Amino acid sequence: MQDLTNRKAPTLPLFLCLTTTLPYPISREDGAKDVTFHAHPILSVTLLLCLAASRLGRGTFGLASTQLAQARVPATERASFAGVEISLGQIFGLMHSLATATWSSPRDYGWLTCVSFVAVATSASMYIKWFMRERKEEREHNQDLCEVSEDAGRQYGTFEAN
């Protein structure tokens, strides 16, 4: 017999259950009707899926950046590298908090979204540029190794099995 006390409820059916049992639309004091799940169900589910994908992407990014730092940064410099990385993250987090406090009106969220998109696109392009440069250097290094081994084979002869 299964232990049912530790089972977790699936998120999407719970969301659907709550949206069908709660009274919608929720009226505001000014009488305006909010956009609800029932008005745009595909958009609501898309929003939830994109939110879940962004969390997955953020977790994957954390793992990838840790792996790169461990593989590329010499052991003697990892502590200072990690300190700079954390301080830059805190500075950008503070800038994010100041921006949302300064432009806190919902009508300003479009500008905040554009700034966030530009920041993510800039960092993605910087990463792609770095990645392409690393690949190019790796190919050149492998090509140099192949040329050296060919020269050594001609100079010393090659071993041939009978």
C-alpha atoms as a PDB file:
ATOM      1  CA  MET A   1       0.000   0.000   0.000  1.00  0.00           C
ATOM      2  CA  GLN A   2       1.318   3.442  -0.930  1.00  0.00           C
ATOM      3  CA  ASP A   3       1.892   6.153   1.609  1.00  0.00           C
ATOM      4  CA  LEU A   4      -0.396   8.957   0.417  1.00  0.00           C
ATOM      5  CA  THR A   5       0.679  11.486   3.038  1.00  0.00           C
ATOM      6  CA  ASN A   6       3.873  12.431   1.184  1.00  0.00           C
ATOM      7  CA  ARG A   7       2.345  12.770  -2.273  1.00  0.00           C
ATOM      8  CA  LYS A   8       2.528  16.234  -3.760  1.00  0.00           C
ATOM      9  CA  ALA A   9      -0.420  17.654  -5.659  1.00  0.00           C
ATOM     10  CA  PRO A  10       0.312  18.555  -9.278  1.00  0.00           C
ATOM     11  CA  THR A  11       0.513  22.299  -9.790  1.00  0.00           C
ATOM     12  CA  LEU A  12      -1.523  22.682 -12.982  1.00  0.00           C
ATOM     13  CA  PRO A  13      -4.624  20.740 -11.833  1.00  0.00           C
ATOM     14  CA  LEU A  14      -4.530  22.677  -8.571  1.00  0.00           C
ATOM     15  CA  PHE A  15      -4.373  25.927 -10.567  1.00  0.00           C
ATOM     16  CA  LEU A  16      -7.319  24.844 -12.712  1.00  0.00           C
ATOM     17  CA  CYS A  17      -9.293  23.820  -9.622  1.00  0.00           C
ATOM     18  CA  LEU A  18      -8.713  27.174  -7.929  1.00  0.00           C
ATOM     19  CA  THR A  19      -9.588  29.174 -11.024  1.00  0.00           C
ATOM     20  CA  THR A  20     -12.864  27.329 -11.490  1.00  0.00           C
ATOM     21  CA  THR A  21     -13.974  27.549  -7.841  1.00  0.00           C
ATOM     22  CA  LEU A  22     -13.020  31.153  -7.067  1.00  0.00           C
ATOM     23  CA  PRO A  23     -15.433  33.838  -8.221  1.00  0.00           C
ATOM     24  CA  TYR A  24     -14.194  35.591 -11.332  1.00  0.00           C
ATOM     25  CA  PRO A  25     -13.826  38.281 -12.420  1.00  0.00           C
ATOM     26  CA  ILE A  26     -12.572  39.750  -9.177  1.00  0.00           C
ATOM     27  CA  SER A  27     -14.001  43.215  -9.056  1.00  0.00           C
ATOM     28  CA  ARG A  28     -11.837  46.119  -8.097  1.00  0.00           C
ATOM     29  CA  GLU A  29     -12.868  49.178  -6.164  1.00  0.00           C
ATOM     30  CA  ASP A  30     -12.924  51.278  -9.335  1.00  0.00           C
ATOM     31  CA  GLY A  31     -15.265  48.775 -11.027  1.00  0.00           C
ATOM     32  CA  ALA A  32     -12.800  47.805 -13.771  1.00  0.00           C
ATOM     33  CA  LYS A  33     -12.730  44.144 -14.702  1.00  0.00           C
ATOM     34  CA  ASP A  34      -9.386  42.352 -14.387  1.00  0.00           C
ATOM     35  CA  VAL A  35      -8.040  40.013 -17.021  1.00  0.00           C
ATOM     36  CA  THR A  36      -8.747  36.562 -15.639  1.00  0.00           C
ATOM     37  CA  PHE A  37      -7.967  32.954 -16.420  1.00  0.00           C
ATOM     38  CA  HIS A  38     -11.431  32.451 -17.883  1.00  0.00           C
ATOM     39  CA  ALA A  39     -11.015  35.410 -20.222  1.00  0.00           C
ATOM     40  CA  HIS A  40      -7.659  34.200 -21.608  1.00  0.00           C
ATOM     41  CA  PRO A  41      -6.922  30.583 -20.595  1.00  0.00           C
ATOM     42  CA  ILE A  42      -4.239  29.976 -23.245  1.00  0.00           C
ATOM     43  CA  LEU A  43      -2.378  33.130 -22.262  1.00  0.00           C
ATOM     44  CA  SER A  44      -2.556  32.203 -18.576  1.00  0.00           C
ATOM     45  CA  VAL A  45      -1.205  28.697 -19.114  1.00  0.00           C
ATOM     46  CA  THR A  46       1.489  30.082 -21.458  1.00  0.00           C
ATOM     47  CA  LEU A  47       2.501  32.576 -18.775  1.00  0.00           C
ATOM     48  CA  LEU A  48       2.801  29.802 -16.185  1.00  0.00           C
ATOM     49  CA  LEU A  49       4.831  27.585 -18.536  1.00  0.00           C
ATOM     50  CA  CYS A  50       7.168  30.450 -19.415  1.00  0.00           C
ATOM     51  CA  LEU A  51       7.615  31.234 -15.723  1.00  0.00           C
ATOM     52  CA  ALA A  52       8.506  27.597 -15.035  1.00  0.00           C
ATOM     53  CA  ALA A  53      10.925  27.586 -17.995  1.00  0.00           C
ATOM     54  CA  SER A  54      12.611  30.741 -16.719  1.00  0.00           C
ATOM     55  CA  ARG A  55      13.167  29.137 -13.313  1.00  0.00           C
ATOM     56  CA  LEU A  56      14.609  26.067 -15.003  1.00  0.00           C
ATOM     57  CA  GLY A  57      16.848  28.270 -17.127  1.00  0.00           C
ATOM     58  CA  ARG A  58      18.067  30.170 -14.103  1.00  0.00           C
ATOM     59  CA  GLY A  59      18.939  26.962 -12.283  1.00  0.00           C
ATOM     60  CA  THR A  60      20.737  25.593 -15.332  1.00  0.00           C
ATOM     61  CA  PHE A  61      22.643  28.862 -15.682  1.00  0.00           C
ATOM     62  CA  GLY A  62      23.767  28.631 -12.056  1.00  0.00           C
ATOM     63  CA  LEU A  63      25.121  25.130 -12.603  1.00  0.00           C
ATOM     64  CA  ALA A  64      26.827  26.080 -15.875  1.00  0.00           C
ATOM     65  CA  SER A  65      28.501  29.174 -14.435  1.00  0.00           C
ATOM     66  CA  THR A  66      29.760  27.188 -11.430  1.00  0.00           C
ATOM     67  CA  GLN A  67      31.182  24.523 -13.724  1.00  0.00           C
ATOM     68  CA  LEU A  68      32.872  27.121 -15.932  1.00  0.00           C
ATOM     69  CA  ALA A  69      34.358  28.882 -12.916  1.00  0.00           C
ATOM     70  CA  GLN A  70      35.750  25.637 -11.546  1.00  0.00           C
ATOM     71  CA  ALA A  71      37.146  24.539 -14.902  1.00  0.00           C
ATOM     72  CA  ARG A  72      38.548  27.852 -16.167  1.00  0.00           C
ATOM     73  CA  VAL A  73      39.668  29.784 -13.086  1.00  0.00           C
ATOM     74  CA  PRO A  74      42.925  28.670 -11.447  1.00  0.00           C
ATOM     75  CA  ALA A  75      42.490  27.282  -7.934  1.00  0.00           C
ATOM     76  CA  THR A  76      44.552  30.098  -6.409  1.00  0.00           C
ATOM     77  CA  GLU A  77      42.213  32.756  -7.833  1.00  0.00           C
ATOM     78  CA  ARG A  78      38.805  31.138  -7.261  1.00  0.00           C
ATOM     79  CA  ALA A  79      38.067  32.924  -3.979  1.00  0.00           C
ATOM     80  CA  SER A  80      38.657  36.394  -5.423  1.00  0.00           C
ATOM     81  CA  PHE A  81      36.753  35.436  -8.587  1.00  0.00           C
ATOM     82  CA  ALA A  82      33.782  34.264  -6.510  1.00  0.00           C
ATOM     83  CA  GLY A  83      33.892  37.476  -4.465  1.00  0.00           C
ATOM     84  CA  VAL A  84      33.794  39.649  -7.561  1.00  0.00           C
ATOM     85  CA  GLU A  85      31.024  37.499  -9.052  1.00  0.00           C
ATOM     86  CA  ILE A  86      28.869  37.799  -5.937  1.00  0.00           C
ATOM     87  CA  SER A  87      29.500  41.540  -5.577  1.00  0.00           C
ATOM     88  CA  LEU A  88      28.521  42.179  -9.205  1.00  0.00           C
ATOM     89  CA  GLY A  89      25.372  40.110  -8.687  1.00  0.00           C
ATOM     90  CA  GLN A  90      24.517  42.140  -5.599  1.00  0.00           C
ATOM     91  CA  ILE A  91      25.131  45.440  -7.426  1.00  0.00           C
ATOM     92  CA  PHE A  92      22.828  44.462 -10.290  1.00  0.00           C
ATOM     93  CA  GLY A  93      20.242  43.200  -7.783  1.00  0.00           C
ATOM     94  CA  LEU A  94      20.373  46.559  -6.016  1.00  0.00           C
ATOM     95  CA  MET A  95      19.984  48.364  -9.348  1.00  0.00           C
ATOM     96  CA  HIS A  96      16.961  46.162 -10.088  1.00  0.00           C
ATOM     97  CA  SER A  97      15.399  46.960  -6.711  1.00  0.00           C
ATOM     98  CA  LEU A  98      16.030  50.698  -7.133  1.00  0.00           C
ATOM     99  CA  ALA A  99      14.530  50.663 -10.627  1.00  0.00           C
ATOM    100  CA  THR A 100      11.377  48.866  -9.485  1.00  0.00           C
ATOM    101  CA  ALA A 101      11.049  51.231  -6.510  1.00  0.00           C
ATOM    102  CA  THR A 102      11.543  54.288  -8.715  1.00  0.00           C
ATOM    103  CA  TRP A 103       9.221  53.151 -11.497  1.00  0.00           C
ATOM    104  CA  SER A 104       6.662  51.281  -9.425  1.00  0.00           C
ATOM    105  CA  SER A 105       3.568  52.185 -11.398  1.00  0.00           C
ATOM    106  CA  PRO A 106       2.185  49.324 -13.533  1.00  0.00           C
ATOM    107  CA  ARG A 107       2.228  51.598 -16.582  1.00  0.00           C
ATOM    108  CA  ASP A 108       6.047  51.830 -16.199  1.00  0.00           C
ATOM    109  CA  TYR A 109       6.537  48.043 -16.248  1.00  0.00           C
ATOM    110  CA  GLY A 110       6.931  48.085 -20.023  1.00  0.00           C
ATOM    111  CA  TRP A 111      10.106  50.154 -19.674  1.00  0.00           C
ATOM    112  CA  LEU A 112      11.428  47.891 -16.931  1.00  0.00           C
ATOM    113  CA  THR A 113      10.718  44.909 -19.147  1.00  0.00           C
ATOM    114  CA  CYS A 114      12.618  46.492 -22.036  1.00  0.00           C
ATOM    115  CA  VAL A 115      15.619  47.226 -19.800  1.00  0.00           C
ATOM    116  CA  SER A 116      15.565  43.646 -18.494  1.00  0.00           C
ATOM    117  CA  PHE A 117      15.360  42.283 -22.032  1.00  0.00           C
ATOM    118  CA  VAL A 118      18.300  44.422 -23.155  1.00  0.00           C
ATOM    119  CA  ALA A 119      20.355  43.246 -20.155  1.00  0.00           C
ATOM    120  CA  VAL A 120      19.616  39.576 -20.861  1.00  0.00           C
ATOM    121  CA  ALA A 121      20.254  39.980 -24.610  1.00  0.00           C
ATOM    122  CA  THR A 122      23.558  41.758 -23.923  1.00  0.00           C
ATOM    123  CA  SER A 123      24.746  39.063 -21.546  1.00  0.00           C
ATOM    124  CA  ALA A 124      23.663  36.324 -23.967  1.00  0.00           C
ATOM    125  CA  SER A 125      25.559  37.973 -26.831  1.00  0.00           C
ATOM    126  CA  MET A 126      28.656  38.364 -24.628  1.00  0.00           C
ATOM    127  CA  TYR A 127      28.484  34.678 -23.718  1.00  0.00           C
ATOM    128  CA  ILE A 128      28.040  33.619 -27.349  1.00  0.00           C
ATOM    129  CA  LYS A 129      31.024  35.783 -28.369  1.00  0.00           C
ATOM    130  CA  TRP A 130      33.163  34.228 -25.605  1.00  0.00           C
ATOM    131  CA  PHE A 131      32.001  30.720 -26.526  1.00  0.00           C
ATOM    132  CA  MET A 132      32.825  31.204 -30.222  1.00  0.00           C
ATOM    133  CA  ARG A 133      36.268  32.610 -29.355  1.00  0.00           C
ATOM    134  CA  GLU A 134      36.974  29.619 -27.093  1.00  0.00           C
ATOM    135  CA  ARG A 135      35.912  27.195 -29.834  1.00  0.00           C
ATOM    136  CA  LYS A 136      38.142  28.957 -32.358  1.00  0.00           C
ATOM    137  CA  GLU A 137      41.143  28.840 -30.011  1.00  0.00           C
ATOM    138  CA  GLU A 138      40.468  25.166 -29.274  1.00  0.00           C
ATOM    139  CA  ARG A 139      40.346  24.336 -32.991  1.00  0.00           C
ATOM    140  CA  GLU A 140      43.585  26.244 -33.618  1.00  0.00           C
ATOM    141  CA  HIS A 141      45.243  24.466 -30.690  1.00  0.00           C
ATOM    142  CA  ASN A 142      44.126  21.048 -31.970  1.00  0.00           C
ATOM    143  CA  GLN A 143      45.321  21.913 -35.460  1.00  0.00           C
ATOM    144  CA  ASP A 144      48.738  22.912 -34.077  1.00  0.00           C
ATOM    145  CA  LEU A 145      48.928  19.611 -32.180  1.00  0.00           C
ATOM    146  CA  CYS A 146      48.135  17.681 -35.365  1.00  0.00           C
ATOM    147  CA  GLU A 147      50.882  19.533 -37.275  1.00  0.00           C
ATOM    148  CA  VAL A 148      53.410  18.845 -34.508  1.00  0.00           C
ATOM    149  CA  SER A 149      52.547  15.132 -34.455  1.00  0.00           C
ATOM    150  CA  GLU A 150      52.855  14.919 -38.276  1.00  0.00           C
ATOM    151  CA  ASP A 151      56.276  16.597 -38.142  1.00  0.00           C
ATOM    152  CA  ALA A 152      57.395  14.209 -35.397  1.00  0.00           C
ATOM    153  CA  GLY A 153      56.179  11.235 -37.448  1.00  0.00           C
ATOM    154  CA  ARG A 154      58.218  12.344 -40.468  1.00  0.00           C
ATOM    155  CA  GLN A 155      61.295  13.107 -38.380  1.00  0.00           C
ATOM    156  CA  TYR A 156      61.382   9.927 -36.291  1.00  0.00           C
ATOM    157  CA  GLY A 157      59.510   7.543 -38.540  1.00  0.00           C
ATOM    158  CA  THR A 158      56.239   5.850 -37.765  1.00  0.00           C
ATOM    159  CA  PHE A 159      55.623   2.569 -36.114  1.00  0.00           C
ATOM    160  CA  GLU A 160      54.033   0.036 -38.396  1.00  0.00           C
ATOM    161  CA  ALA A 161      52.761  -3.301 -37.165  1.00  0.00           C
ATOM    162  CA  ASN A 162      53.667  -6.455 -39.119  1.00  0.00           C
END
